[in-house]
Structures are given as C-alpha cells and as structure tokens.
N, C-alpha and C. Protein backbone atom coordinates (compact mmCIF):
# COMPACT_ATOMS: atom_id res chain seq x y z
N UNK A 1 47.13 48.72 -21.49
CA UNK A 1 47.45 47.43 -20.89
C UNK A 1 46.21 46.85 -20.22
N UNK A 2 45.91 45.59 -20.53
CA UNK A 2 44.72 44.94 -20.00
C UNK A 2 45.13 43.68 -19.24
N UNK A 3 44.68 43.57 -18.01
CA UNK A 3 44.87 42.36 -17.22
C UNK A 3 43.50 41.76 -16.93
N UNK A 4 43.42 40.44 -17.10
CA UNK A 4 42.20 39.73 -16.74
C UNK A 4 42.55 38.72 -15.67
N UNK A 5 41.94 38.90 -14.51
CA UNK A 5 42.14 37.98 -13.39
C UNK A 5 41.03 36.94 -13.44
N UNK A 6 41.43 35.67 -13.37
CA UNK A 6 40.41 34.63 -13.40
C UNK A 6 40.94 33.29 -12.96
N UNK A 7 40.03 32.37 -12.74
CA UNK A 7 40.35 31.00 -12.35
C UNK A 7 40.18 30.11 -13.56
N UNK A 8 41.09 29.17 -13.76
CA UNK A 8 41.16 28.40 -15.00
C UNK A 8 39.87 27.65 -15.33
N UNK A 9 39.11 27.22 -14.31
CA UNK A 9 37.88 26.48 -14.59
C UNK A 9 36.63 27.35 -14.49
N UNK A 10 36.77 28.61 -14.16
CA UNK A 10 35.60 29.47 -14.00
C UNK A 10 34.90 29.70 -15.33
N UNK A 11 33.61 29.39 -15.37
CA UNK A 11 32.86 29.59 -16.61
C UNK A 11 32.70 31.08 -16.90
N UNK A 12 32.63 31.91 -15.86
CA UNK A 12 32.51 33.35 -16.08
C UNK A 12 33.82 33.96 -16.57
N UNK A 13 34.94 33.47 -16.06
CA UNK A 13 36.22 33.93 -16.60
C UNK A 13 36.35 33.51 -18.06
N UNK A 14 35.86 32.32 -18.38
CA UNK A 14 35.86 31.85 -19.77
C UNK A 14 35.05 32.80 -20.65
N UNK A 15 33.89 33.22 -20.19
CA UNK A 15 33.05 34.13 -20.95
C UNK A 15 33.80 35.44 -21.24
N UNK A 16 34.49 35.96 -20.24
CA UNK A 16 35.25 37.20 -20.43
C UNK A 16 36.37 37.00 -21.45
N UNK A 17 37.07 35.88 -21.35
CA UNK A 17 38.15 35.60 -22.29
C UNK A 17 37.60 35.40 -23.71
N UNK A 18 36.51 34.69 -23.83
CA UNK A 18 35.84 34.46 -25.11
C UNK A 18 35.54 35.81 -25.78
N UNK A 19 35.03 36.75 -25.00
CA UNK A 19 34.72 38.09 -25.52
C UNK A 19 35.97 38.80 -26.00
N UNK A 20 37.02 38.78 -25.20
CA UNK A 20 38.28 39.43 -25.60
C UNK A 20 38.82 38.83 -26.89
N UNK A 21 38.77 37.53 -27.03
CA UNK A 21 39.28 36.90 -28.25
C UNK A 21 38.41 37.23 -29.46
N UNK A 22 37.11 37.27 -29.29
CA UNK A 22 36.24 37.65 -30.42
C UNK A 22 36.52 39.07 -30.87
N UNK A 23 36.89 39.94 -29.95
CA UNK A 23 37.21 41.32 -30.30
C UNK A 23 38.64 41.47 -30.81
N UNK A 24 39.46 40.44 -30.65
CA UNK A 24 40.85 40.50 -31.09
C UNK A 24 41.72 41.35 -30.19
N UNK A 25 41.48 41.31 -28.89
CA UNK A 25 42.18 42.17 -27.94
C UNK A 25 43.25 41.37 -27.19
N UNK A 26 44.45 41.90 -27.14
CA UNK A 26 45.52 41.27 -26.36
C UNK A 26 45.37 41.62 -24.88
N UNK A 27 45.68 40.66 -24.04
CA UNK A 27 45.55 40.87 -22.60
C UNK A 27 46.48 39.92 -21.88
N UNK A 28 46.74 40.21 -20.62
CA UNK A 28 47.52 39.32 -19.76
C UNK A 28 46.57 38.61 -18.81
N UNK A 29 46.71 37.30 -18.75
CA UNK A 29 45.89 36.48 -17.87
C UNK A 29 46.61 36.31 -16.55
N UNK A 30 45.91 36.57 -15.46
CA UNK A 30 46.48 36.40 -14.12
C UNK A 30 45.60 35.43 -13.36
N UNK A 31 46.16 34.28 -13.04
CA UNK A 31 45.40 33.21 -12.39
C UNK A 31 45.12 33.56 -10.92
N UNK A 32 43.85 33.45 -10.56
CA UNK A 32 43.40 33.65 -9.18
C UNK A 32 42.45 32.51 -8.84
N UNK A 33 42.71 31.85 -7.72
CA UNK A 33 41.81 30.79 -7.26
C UNK A 33 40.96 31.35 -6.11
N UNK A 34 39.71 31.70 -6.36
CA UNK A 34 38.89 32.29 -5.31
C UNK A 34 38.52 31.31 -4.20
N UNK A 35 38.77 30.01 -4.45
CA UNK A 35 38.47 28.99 -3.44
C UNK A 35 39.64 28.76 -2.48
N UNK A 36 40.76 29.41 -2.76
CA UNK A 36 41.94 29.26 -1.92
C UNK A 36 41.74 29.94 -0.56
N UNK A 37 42.44 29.43 0.44
CA UNK A 37 42.38 30.03 1.77
C UNK A 37 43.25 31.27 1.91
N UNK A 38 44.12 31.49 0.93
CA UNK A 38 45.05 32.62 1.03
C UNK A 38 45.05 33.47 -0.24
N UNK A 39 43.86 33.92 -0.64
CA UNK A 39 43.75 34.81 -1.80
C UNK A 39 44.50 36.10 -1.50
N UNK A 40 45.27 36.55 -2.47
CA UNK A 40 46.10 37.73 -2.29
C UNK A 40 45.26 38.94 -1.91
N UNK A 41 45.74 39.68 -0.92
CA UNK A 41 45.01 40.85 -0.43
C UNK A 41 44.83 41.90 -1.52
N UNK A 42 45.80 41.98 -2.42
CA UNK A 42 45.69 42.95 -3.51
C UNK A 42 44.51 42.62 -4.41
N UNK A 43 44.26 41.33 -4.63
CA UNK A 43 43.10 40.96 -5.45
C UNK A 43 41.79 41.30 -4.73
N UNK A 44 41.76 41.07 -3.44
CA UNK A 44 40.54 41.38 -2.67
C UNK A 44 40.23 42.87 -2.67
N UNK A 45 41.25 43.69 -2.83
CA UNK A 45 40.99 45.13 -2.96
C UNK A 45 40.35 45.43 -4.32
N UNK A 46 40.66 44.63 -5.31
CA UNK A 46 40.05 44.80 -6.63
C UNK A 46 38.63 44.25 -6.66
N UNK A 47 38.44 43.10 -6.01
CA UNK A 47 37.13 42.43 -6.02
C UNK A 47 36.78 42.04 -4.59
N UNK A 48 36.05 42.88 -3.88
CA UNK A 48 35.79 42.63 -2.45
C UNK A 48 34.94 41.39 -2.19
N UNK A 49 34.26 40.87 -3.24
CA UNK A 49 33.44 39.67 -3.07
C UNK A 49 34.21 38.39 -3.37
N UNK A 50 35.49 38.52 -3.74
CA UNK A 50 36.37 37.37 -3.97
C UNK A 50 35.79 36.39 -4.99
N UNK A 51 35.42 36.93 -6.13
CA UNK A 51 34.96 36.11 -7.24
C UNK A 51 35.82 36.47 -8.46
N UNK A 52 35.61 35.76 -9.55
CA UNK A 52 36.28 36.06 -10.80
C UNK A 52 35.23 36.10 -11.90
N UNK A 53 35.52 36.84 -12.98
CA UNK A 53 36.76 37.53 -13.32
C UNK A 53 36.76 38.99 -12.84
N UNK A 54 37.94 39.59 -12.94
CA UNK A 54 38.11 41.03 -12.77
C UNK A 54 38.97 41.54 -13.92
N UNK A 55 38.54 42.62 -14.53
CA UNK A 55 39.27 43.25 -15.62
C UNK A 55 39.94 44.52 -15.12
N UNK A 56 41.21 44.68 -15.45
CA UNK A 56 41.91 45.92 -15.14
C UNK A 56 42.42 46.51 -16.45
N UNK A 57 41.93 47.68 -16.80
CA UNK A 57 42.33 48.37 -18.03
C UNK A 57 42.94 49.70 -17.63
N UNK A 58 44.28 49.75 -17.63
CA UNK A 58 44.94 50.93 -17.10
C UNK A 58 44.66 51.06 -15.62
N UNK A 59 44.03 52.17 -15.23
CA UNK A 59 43.67 52.40 -13.83
C UNK A 59 42.22 52.02 -13.52
N UNK A 60 41.53 51.50 -14.54
CA UNK A 60 40.11 51.19 -14.38
C UNK A 60 39.94 49.73 -13.99
N UNK A 61 39.30 49.49 -12.86
CA UNK A 61 39.07 48.13 -12.35
C UNK A 61 37.59 47.82 -12.43
N UNK A 62 37.26 46.65 -12.99
CA UNK A 62 35.86 46.31 -13.22
C UNK A 62 35.63 44.83 -12.93
N UNK A 63 34.63 44.55 -12.10
CA UNK A 63 34.20 43.16 -11.92
C UNK A 63 32.71 43.06 -12.21
N UNK A 64 32.22 41.83 -12.27
CA UNK A 64 30.90 41.41 -12.75
C UNK A 64 30.99 41.19 -14.26
N UNK A 65 30.73 39.95 -14.65
CA UNK A 65 31.01 39.52 -16.02
C UNK A 65 30.22 40.30 -17.06
N UNK A 66 28.94 40.54 -16.80
CA UNK A 66 28.14 41.29 -17.76
C UNK A 66 28.67 42.70 -17.97
N UNK A 67 29.10 43.33 -16.90
CA UNK A 67 29.69 44.66 -17.02
C UNK A 67 31.00 44.60 -17.81
N UNK A 68 31.78 43.56 -17.55
CA UNK A 68 33.08 43.40 -18.24
C UNK A 68 32.88 43.21 -19.73
N UNK A 69 31.99 42.31 -20.11
CA UNK A 69 31.84 42.02 -21.54
C UNK A 69 31.23 43.19 -22.29
N UNK A 70 30.31 43.90 -21.67
CA UNK A 70 29.76 45.10 -22.33
C UNK A 70 30.84 46.18 -22.47
N UNK A 71 31.65 46.32 -21.45
CA UNK A 71 32.74 47.30 -21.51
C UNK A 71 33.72 46.93 -22.63
N UNK A 72 34.11 45.68 -22.70
CA UNK A 72 35.03 45.23 -23.74
C UNK A 72 34.46 45.56 -25.12
N UNK A 73 33.18 45.29 -25.29
CA UNK A 73 32.57 45.53 -26.60
C UNK A 73 32.54 47.01 -26.95
N UNK A 74 32.29 47.86 -25.97
CA UNK A 74 32.11 49.28 -26.24
C UNK A 74 33.41 50.08 -26.19
N UNK A 75 34.42 49.57 -25.50
CA UNK A 75 35.66 50.34 -25.32
C UNK A 75 36.69 50.08 -26.40
N UNK A 76 36.53 49.01 -27.17
CA UNK A 76 37.58 48.60 -28.10
C UNK A 76 37.02 48.39 -29.50
N UNK A 77 37.92 48.52 -30.46
CA UNK A 77 37.57 48.23 -31.85
C UNK A 77 37.34 46.74 -32.01
N UNK A 78 36.75 46.38 -33.15
CA UNK A 78 36.50 44.97 -33.42
C UNK A 78 35.04 44.75 -33.72
N UNK A 79 34.65 43.52 -34.01
CA UNK A 79 33.24 43.24 -34.33
C UNK A 79 32.33 43.62 -33.17
N UNK A 80 31.22 44.23 -33.50
CA UNK A 80 30.28 44.66 -32.48
C UNK A 80 29.48 43.46 -31.97
N UNK A 81 29.42 43.33 -30.67
CA UNK A 81 28.78 42.18 -30.04
C UNK A 81 27.46 42.53 -29.38
N UNK A 82 27.01 43.78 -29.57
CA UNK A 82 25.70 44.21 -29.09
C UNK A 82 24.98 44.87 -30.26
N UNK A 83 23.82 44.36 -30.63
CA UNK A 83 23.12 44.90 -31.80
C UNK A 83 22.68 46.34 -31.59
N UNK A 84 22.54 47.06 -32.69
CA UNK A 84 22.01 48.42 -32.65
C UNK A 84 20.49 48.39 -32.54
N UNK A 85 19.86 47.44 -33.21
CA UNK A 85 18.41 47.33 -33.17
C UNK A 85 17.92 47.15 -31.74
N UNK A 86 16.91 47.91 -31.35
CA UNK A 86 16.43 47.93 -29.98
C UNK A 86 15.94 46.56 -29.52
N UNK A 87 15.14 45.89 -30.36
CA UNK A 87 14.60 44.59 -29.96
C UNK A 87 15.71 43.55 -29.83
N UNK A 88 16.65 43.56 -30.76
CA UNK A 88 17.75 42.59 -30.71
C UNK A 88 18.64 42.85 -29.50
N UNK A 89 18.87 44.12 -29.20
CA UNK A 89 19.71 44.45 -28.04
C UNK A 89 19.02 44.03 -26.74
N UNK A 90 17.71 44.23 -26.68
CA UNK A 90 16.95 43.78 -25.52
C UNK A 90 17.02 42.27 -25.38
N UNK A 91 17.00 41.55 -26.50
CA UNK A 91 17.10 40.08 -26.46
C UNK A 91 18.46 39.66 -25.90
N UNK A 92 19.52 40.35 -26.29
CA UNK A 92 20.84 40.05 -25.75
C UNK A 92 20.84 40.20 -24.23
N UNK A 93 20.31 41.31 -23.75
CA UNK A 93 20.28 41.54 -22.31
C UNK A 93 19.40 40.53 -21.60
N UNK A 94 18.32 40.12 -22.25
CA UNK A 94 17.44 39.12 -21.67
C UNK A 94 18.16 37.78 -21.49
N UNK A 95 18.85 37.33 -22.54
CA UNK A 95 19.56 36.05 -22.46
C UNK A 95 20.67 36.11 -21.43
N UNK A 96 21.40 37.22 -21.38
CA UNK A 96 22.46 37.36 -20.37
C UNK A 96 21.88 37.28 -18.96
N UNK A 97 20.71 37.86 -18.76
CA UNK A 97 20.07 37.80 -17.45
C UNK A 97 19.62 36.38 -17.12
N UNK A 98 19.10 35.67 -18.12
CA UNK A 98 18.71 34.27 -17.92
C UNK A 98 19.91 33.43 -17.52
N UNK A 99 21.03 33.68 -18.17
CA UNK A 99 22.26 32.95 -17.83
C UNK A 99 22.61 33.13 -16.36
N UNK A 100 22.58 34.38 -15.89
CA UNK A 100 22.96 34.66 -14.51
C UNK A 100 21.92 34.17 -13.51
N UNK A 101 20.65 34.32 -13.84
CA UNK A 101 19.58 34.08 -12.87
C UNK A 101 19.13 32.61 -12.82
N UNK A 102 19.12 31.93 -13.97
CA UNK A 102 18.49 30.62 -14.01
C UNK A 102 19.38 29.51 -14.58
N UNK A 103 20.52 29.87 -15.14
CA UNK A 103 21.33 28.88 -15.85
C UNK A 103 22.55 28.45 -15.05
N UNK A 104 23.27 29.40 -14.49
CA UNK A 104 24.55 29.09 -13.89
C UNK A 104 24.45 28.01 -12.81
N UNK A 105 23.55 28.18 -11.86
CA UNK A 105 23.55 27.25 -10.73
C UNK A 105 23.18 25.83 -11.14
N UNK A 106 22.03 25.58 -11.79
CA UNK A 106 21.72 24.19 -12.13
C UNK A 106 22.65 23.59 -13.18
N UNK A 107 23.05 24.39 -14.17
CA UNK A 107 23.86 23.85 -15.25
C UNK A 107 25.29 23.56 -14.80
N UNK A 108 25.87 24.53 -14.09
CA UNK A 108 27.30 24.45 -13.76
C UNK A 108 27.54 23.90 -12.36
N UNK A 109 26.90 24.50 -11.37
CA UNK A 109 27.18 24.13 -9.98
C UNK A 109 26.55 22.80 -9.58
N UNK A 110 25.52 22.39 -10.30
CA UNK A 110 24.89 21.12 -9.96
C UNK A 110 25.22 20.03 -10.99
N UNK A 111 24.78 20.18 -12.22
CA UNK A 111 24.96 19.10 -13.20
C UNK A 111 26.42 18.92 -13.60
N UNK A 112 27.09 20.00 -13.97
CA UNK A 112 28.49 19.88 -14.38
C UNK A 112 29.39 19.47 -13.22
N UNK A 113 29.26 20.17 -12.10
CA UNK A 113 30.17 19.91 -10.99
C UNK A 113 30.00 18.49 -10.45
N UNK A 114 28.76 18.10 -10.19
CA UNK A 114 28.53 16.79 -9.57
C UNK A 114 28.38 15.66 -10.59
N UNK A 115 28.08 16.00 -11.82
CA UNK A 115 27.92 14.97 -12.83
C UNK A 115 29.12 14.75 -13.71
N UNK A 116 30.12 15.65 -13.61
CA UNK A 116 31.30 15.53 -14.47
C UNK A 116 32.59 15.85 -13.74
N UNK A 117 32.71 17.05 -13.22
CA UNK A 117 33.99 17.52 -12.71
C UNK A 117 34.45 16.76 -11.47
N UNK A 118 33.64 16.70 -10.45
CA UNK A 118 34.06 16.04 -9.21
C UNK A 118 34.35 14.55 -9.41
N UNK A 119 33.51 13.82 -10.15
CA UNK A 119 33.85 12.41 -10.40
C UNK A 119 35.17 12.23 -11.14
N UNK A 120 35.49 13.13 -12.05
CA UNK A 120 36.72 12.99 -12.83
C UNK A 120 37.98 13.20 -12.00
N UNK A 121 37.87 14.04 -10.98
CA UNK A 121 39.06 14.32 -10.17
C UNK A 121 39.06 13.50 -8.88
N UNK A 122 38.13 12.56 -8.78
CA UNK A 122 38.12 11.66 -7.64
C UNK A 122 37.69 12.27 -6.33
N UNK A 123 36.86 13.30 -6.40
CA UNK A 123 36.37 13.95 -5.18
C UNK A 123 34.92 13.58 -4.94
N UNK A 124 34.46 13.64 -3.71
CA UNK A 124 33.07 13.27 -3.40
C UNK A 124 32.07 14.12 -4.19
N UNK A 125 31.02 13.47 -4.66
CA UNK A 125 29.98 14.17 -5.39
C UNK A 125 28.62 13.63 -4.97
N UNK A 126 27.60 14.40 -5.29
CA UNK A 126 26.25 14.05 -4.87
C UNK A 126 25.36 13.86 -6.10
N UNK A 127 25.00 12.61 -6.43
CA UNK A 127 24.13 12.38 -7.60
C UNK A 127 22.79 13.10 -7.50
N UNK A 128 22.34 13.35 -6.27
CA UNK A 128 21.06 14.05 -6.12
C UNK A 128 21.15 15.49 -6.59
N UNK A 129 22.35 16.08 -6.50
CA UNK A 129 22.53 17.42 -7.03
C UNK A 129 22.34 17.43 -8.55
N UNK A 130 22.78 16.38 -9.21
CA UNK A 130 22.58 16.27 -10.66
C UNK A 130 21.09 16.20 -10.97
N UNK A 131 20.38 15.38 -10.21
CA UNK A 131 18.93 15.24 -10.41
C UNK A 131 18.23 16.58 -10.23
N UNK A 132 18.58 17.27 -9.14
CA UNK A 132 17.95 18.58 -8.89
C UNK A 132 18.31 19.58 -9.97
N UNK A 133 19.55 19.54 -10.42
CA UNK A 133 19.97 20.45 -11.48
C UNK A 133 19.24 20.20 -12.78
N UNK A 134 19.07 18.93 -13.12
CA UNK A 134 18.35 18.59 -14.35
C UNK A 134 16.90 19.04 -14.28
N UNK A 135 16.29 18.87 -13.12
CA UNK A 135 14.90 19.30 -12.96
C UNK A 135 14.79 20.82 -13.12
N UNK A 136 15.72 21.53 -12.52
CA UNK A 136 15.68 23.00 -12.61
C UNK A 136 16.03 23.50 -14.00
N UNK A 137 16.82 22.74 -14.74
CA UNK A 137 17.28 23.20 -16.05
C UNK A 137 16.22 23.05 -17.14
N UNK A 138 15.23 22.20 -16.91
CA UNK A 138 14.26 21.91 -17.98
C UNK A 138 13.52 23.16 -18.43
N UNK A 139 13.05 23.95 -17.49
CA UNK A 139 12.31 25.17 -17.85
C UNK A 139 13.21 26.14 -18.59
N UNK A 140 14.47 26.25 -18.13
CA UNK A 140 15.42 27.16 -18.78
C UNK A 140 15.70 26.74 -20.21
N UNK A 141 15.96 25.46 -20.40
CA UNK A 141 16.23 24.96 -21.76
C UNK A 141 15.03 25.21 -22.67
N UNK A 142 13.84 24.97 -22.18
CA UNK A 142 12.64 25.21 -22.99
C UNK A 142 12.51 26.68 -23.36
N UNK A 143 12.81 27.56 -22.40
CA UNK A 143 12.71 29.00 -22.66
C UNK A 143 13.74 29.43 -23.70
N UNK A 144 14.97 28.95 -23.56
CA UNK A 144 16.03 29.31 -24.51
C UNK A 144 15.73 28.74 -25.90
N UNK A 145 15.18 27.55 -25.94
CA UNK A 145 14.79 26.95 -27.23
C UNK A 145 13.79 27.84 -27.94
N UNK A 146 12.86 28.41 -27.20
CA UNK A 146 11.86 29.30 -27.79
C UNK A 146 12.49 30.62 -28.24
N UNK A 147 13.41 31.16 -27.43
CA UNK A 147 13.98 32.47 -27.73
C UNK A 147 14.88 32.46 -28.95
N UNK A 148 15.57 31.36 -29.19
CA UNK A 148 16.49 31.35 -30.33
C UNK A 148 15.74 31.22 -31.65
N UNK A 149 14.55 30.68 -31.61
CA UNK A 149 13.77 30.57 -32.83
C UNK A 149 14.50 29.75 -33.89
N UNK A 150 14.41 30.21 -35.12
CA UNK A 150 15.05 29.50 -36.23
C UNK A 150 16.36 30.15 -36.63
N UNK A 151 16.83 31.11 -35.86
CA UNK A 151 18.02 31.87 -36.23
C UNK A 151 19.30 31.14 -35.86
N UNK A 152 20.38 31.55 -36.51
CA UNK A 152 21.70 30.98 -36.22
C UNK A 152 22.24 31.51 -34.90
N UNK A 153 21.84 32.74 -34.56
CA UNK A 153 22.28 33.38 -33.32
C UNK A 153 21.07 33.84 -32.54
N UNK A 154 21.29 34.24 -31.30
CA UNK A 154 20.18 34.63 -30.46
C UNK A 154 19.64 36.01 -30.79
N UNK A 155 20.46 36.88 -31.36
CA UNK A 155 19.99 38.24 -31.62
C UNK A 155 20.53 38.71 -32.97
N UNK A 156 19.72 38.58 -34.00
CA UNK A 156 20.13 39.07 -35.31
C UNK A 156 20.96 38.06 -36.08
N UNK A 157 21.71 38.57 -37.03
CA UNK A 157 22.42 37.72 -37.98
C UNK A 157 23.88 37.50 -37.63
N UNK A 158 24.34 37.98 -36.48
CA UNK A 158 25.75 37.80 -36.11
C UNK A 158 25.88 37.47 -34.63
N UNK A 159 27.03 36.98 -34.27
CA UNK A 159 27.33 36.63 -32.89
C UNK A 159 27.15 37.84 -31.98
N UNK A 160 26.60 37.59 -30.80
CA UNK A 160 26.42 38.66 -29.82
C UNK A 160 26.84 38.16 -28.44
N UNK A 161 26.78 39.06 -27.47
CA UNK A 161 27.10 38.68 -26.11
C UNK A 161 26.13 37.64 -25.56
N UNK A 162 24.94 37.56 -26.12
CA UNK A 162 24.01 36.51 -25.70
C UNK A 162 24.60 35.13 -25.98
N UNK A 163 25.10 34.94 -27.17
CA UNK A 163 25.71 33.67 -27.55
C UNK A 163 26.96 33.39 -26.71
N UNK A 164 27.75 34.43 -26.51
CA UNK A 164 29.02 34.29 -25.77
C UNK A 164 28.77 33.93 -24.32
N UNK A 165 27.73 34.48 -23.71
CA UNK A 165 27.46 34.18 -22.30
C UNK A 165 26.85 32.80 -22.13
N UNK A 166 26.06 32.36 -23.08
CA UNK A 166 25.37 31.08 -22.91
C UNK A 166 26.20 29.87 -23.30
N UNK A 167 26.97 29.96 -24.38
CA UNK A 167 27.66 28.77 -24.90
C UNK A 167 28.58 28.10 -23.89
N UNK A 168 29.42 28.82 -23.13
CA UNK A 168 30.24 28.13 -22.14
C UNK A 168 29.43 27.40 -21.08
N UNK A 169 28.29 27.97 -20.67
CA UNK A 169 27.43 27.30 -19.70
C UNK A 169 26.93 25.97 -20.26
N UNK A 170 26.45 26.00 -21.49
CA UNK A 170 25.93 24.77 -22.10
C UNK A 170 27.05 23.78 -22.39
N UNK A 171 28.23 24.28 -22.71
CA UNK A 171 29.37 23.40 -22.95
C UNK A 171 29.73 22.63 -21.68
N UNK A 172 29.74 23.31 -20.55
CA UNK A 172 29.99 22.62 -19.28
C UNK A 172 28.85 21.65 -18.95
N UNK A 173 27.63 22.09 -19.15
CA UNK A 173 26.45 21.27 -18.87
C UNK A 173 26.51 19.95 -19.62
N UNK A 174 26.91 19.98 -20.88
CA UNK A 174 26.91 18.76 -21.67
C UNK A 174 28.12 17.86 -21.39
N UNK A 175 29.05 18.31 -20.54
CA UNK A 175 30.13 17.42 -20.11
C UNK A 175 29.57 16.26 -19.30
N UNK A 176 28.44 16.47 -18.65
CA UNK A 176 27.73 15.38 -17.98
C UNK A 176 26.83 14.70 -18.99
N UNK A 177 26.81 13.40 -19.00
CA UNK A 177 26.00 12.65 -19.98
C UNK A 177 24.55 13.08 -19.94
N UNK A 178 24.02 13.27 -18.73
CA UNK A 178 22.62 13.67 -18.61
C UNK A 178 22.39 15.07 -19.17
N UNK A 179 23.37 15.95 -19.01
CA UNK A 179 23.24 17.28 -19.57
C UNK A 179 23.24 17.26 -21.09
N UNK A 180 24.12 16.46 -21.66
CA UNK A 180 24.17 16.33 -23.12
C UNK A 180 22.84 15.80 -23.65
N UNK A 181 22.27 14.83 -22.97
CA UNK A 181 20.98 14.28 -23.39
C UNK A 181 19.89 15.35 -23.33
N UNK A 182 19.92 16.17 -22.30
CA UNK A 182 18.92 17.22 -22.16
C UNK A 182 19.01 18.24 -23.30
N UNK A 183 20.23 18.60 -23.68
CA UNK A 183 20.41 19.53 -24.81
C UNK A 183 19.93 18.89 -26.11
N UNK A 184 20.23 17.62 -26.29
CA UNK A 184 19.86 16.93 -27.53
C UNK A 184 18.35 16.85 -27.73
N UNK A 185 17.59 17.02 -26.67
CA UNK A 185 16.13 17.00 -26.80
C UNK A 185 15.58 18.36 -27.25
N UNK A 186 16.46 19.36 -27.35
CA UNK A 186 16.07 20.69 -27.80
C UNK A 186 16.63 20.91 -29.20
N UNK A 187 15.80 20.78 -30.21
CA UNK A 187 16.29 20.75 -31.60
C UNK A 187 17.06 22.01 -31.97
N UNK A 188 16.58 23.17 -31.59
CA UNK A 188 17.22 24.42 -32.00
C UNK A 188 18.51 24.66 -31.25
N UNK A 189 18.52 24.41 -29.95
CA UNK A 189 19.76 24.55 -29.18
C UNK A 189 20.79 23.53 -29.64
N UNK A 190 20.35 22.34 -29.94
CA UNK A 190 21.26 21.30 -30.43
C UNK A 190 21.91 21.73 -31.74
N UNK A 191 21.17 22.44 -32.56
CA UNK A 191 21.72 22.94 -33.83
C UNK A 191 22.62 24.15 -33.60
N UNK A 192 22.24 25.01 -32.66
CA UNK A 192 22.97 26.26 -32.42
C UNK A 192 24.33 26.03 -31.77
N UNK A 193 24.41 25.17 -30.78
CA UNK A 193 25.61 25.06 -29.95
C UNK A 193 26.86 24.66 -30.73
N UNK A 194 26.83 23.65 -31.59
CA UNK A 194 28.07 23.27 -32.28
C UNK A 194 28.69 24.39 -33.10
N UNK A 195 27.87 25.24 -33.69
CA UNK A 195 28.41 26.34 -34.47
C UNK A 195 29.20 27.32 -33.62
N UNK A 196 28.70 27.59 -32.41
CA UNK A 196 29.43 28.47 -31.51
C UNK A 196 30.71 27.78 -31.02
N UNK A 197 30.60 26.50 -30.73
CA UNK A 197 31.74 25.76 -30.19
C UNK A 197 32.86 25.56 -31.20
N UNK A 198 32.57 25.75 -32.47
CA UNK A 198 33.62 25.64 -33.50
C UNK A 198 34.34 26.96 -33.73
N UNK A 199 33.88 28.02 -33.15
CA UNK A 199 34.52 29.31 -33.36
C UNK A 199 35.93 29.31 -32.78
N UNK A 200 36.82 29.98 -33.46
CA UNK A 200 38.22 30.02 -33.02
C UNK A 200 38.36 30.56 -31.61
N UNK A 201 37.64 31.63 -31.31
CA UNK A 201 37.74 32.25 -29.98
C UNK A 201 37.25 31.31 -28.89
N UNK A 202 36.22 30.53 -29.18
CA UNK A 202 35.71 29.56 -28.22
C UNK A 202 36.76 28.50 -27.94
N UNK A 203 37.35 27.96 -29.00
CA UNK A 203 38.34 26.89 -28.85
C UNK A 203 39.62 27.39 -28.17
N UNK A 204 39.99 28.64 -28.46
CA UNK A 204 41.21 29.19 -27.85
C UNK A 204 41.06 29.39 -26.35
N UNK A 205 39.85 29.58 -25.88
CA UNK A 205 39.64 29.94 -24.48
C UNK A 205 39.01 28.83 -23.65
N UNK A 206 38.60 27.75 -24.28
CA UNK A 206 37.94 26.65 -23.56
C UNK A 206 38.89 26.05 -22.53
N UNK A 207 38.49 25.95 -21.27
CA UNK A 207 39.36 25.36 -20.24
C UNK A 207 39.68 23.91 -20.54
N UNK A 208 40.89 23.50 -20.21
CA UNK A 208 41.31 22.11 -20.35
C UNK A 208 40.84 21.34 -19.14
N UNK A 209 39.77 20.57 -19.31
CA UNK A 209 39.18 19.82 -18.20
C UNK A 209 39.84 18.46 -18.05
N UNK A 210 39.74 17.88 -16.85
CA UNK A 210 40.23 16.51 -16.68
C UNK A 210 39.51 15.56 -17.64
N UNK A 211 40.19 14.55 -18.06
CA UNK A 211 39.62 13.59 -19.00
C UNK A 211 38.41 12.88 -18.43
N UNK A 212 37.45 12.57 -19.28
CA UNK A 212 36.24 11.87 -18.85
C UNK A 212 36.55 10.54 -18.17
N UNK A 213 37.66 9.90 -18.52
CA UNK A 213 37.97 8.57 -18.00
C UNK A 213 38.69 8.58 -16.67
N UNK A 214 39.05 9.77 -16.17
CA UNK A 214 39.77 9.84 -14.91
C UNK A 214 38.85 9.46 -13.77
C-alpha cells in the first residue's frame, strides 16, 4: 500500500506523482496543505519540516522529492528512470540538483507565483519578483540548454528522473507570459519541453490551475 501526501499545486508533489505514473504504480493521494494554520499533527510526525510530498510505503516513511523519486524507481517494477551508464546517471543527478538549487525559487516562487498564480486568483502580487526571477533564471536556462544538447532527453535515449524533475518546473514557469518567452529563446529546451508535456503521465498529474482570464 502506497500513500502520497501532497498539496494540489505543489510542483514537487507533481514530480512525485509524475514518477509514480511513469512507473505504472497505484497509490492513494492524501491532500495536505502545508500553508494551513492547522496542519494535522500526524502529518508533522511524518514530515517535521511541514513540506510536501511525503511517501508512505507500508511502514516506510520518506520525504524529500529526490529521495522519493529514486526510491520509486528502484523499489518497483516498470521502466527504469535512472540510466545504468555512469555518465548518464551523473547527468541525471546533476539536473536534479540544478532543479533544487537554482530552478525552483526563481521559476516557481517568483515568476510563476507572482506572474501567473497570484494574479489569477485575485491576490496581491509583486511585479518586481517576476523581474528578479527572470534575471535569476537566465543563467539556469542557458546551462540547461547546453546540458540537453541535441538529444530528446537529458540523459540517454529514454525518459529519466532528470526530465521528470525539470518539466513541471518549466511548465509552471511558462504559465507566465514572460516565462514562456524566456523558454522560447532557448531552441533546445523549446523543442524538448512539448514532448515531455504530451506524455500521458504528465497530463494525468498536471495540476488544474485557475484560468488565465481569472
């Protein structure tokens, strides 16, 4: 029995779900809002930092998205999402680290949140956060453009955790018009992203966001 605790708009919870669907694994989704003032004490015992996602597999409790997705890939049958080749596997780990260290904050917390999400739900937003996010994202986009090269995927000839960790971040980023424009200036990323976004597992797990016109 597998339970995945997550928040419906969390990009990291999306990454975990994307991985489970690519592996063809059944699980129960348990909604947790880490921004709530009354997060259940039982959840805080599972994740003392009050973030999402958290995976519970039997008696085994695991948080931190990179640990979760690697565990999912190694613990269950299904397509392998980590290459055997040493260089390709290192590339996967490199991209996952870039996502956590340099991508999440400017792409999601600045450009997506203030350039798309908050305006759509009628909440106060800061245009300067979008500007700062775009400035910070330029180096990251250039680095990722170089790393993907001419390949269809980031590591080898098949989908890997590198692709799974990055695509939801870029999908949120391009919800803001300025983010979409920034991606479109990167020829290889512009070519790579639609192919990932058409995957069944991606579409099945993509959060339903408020309409752009709201």
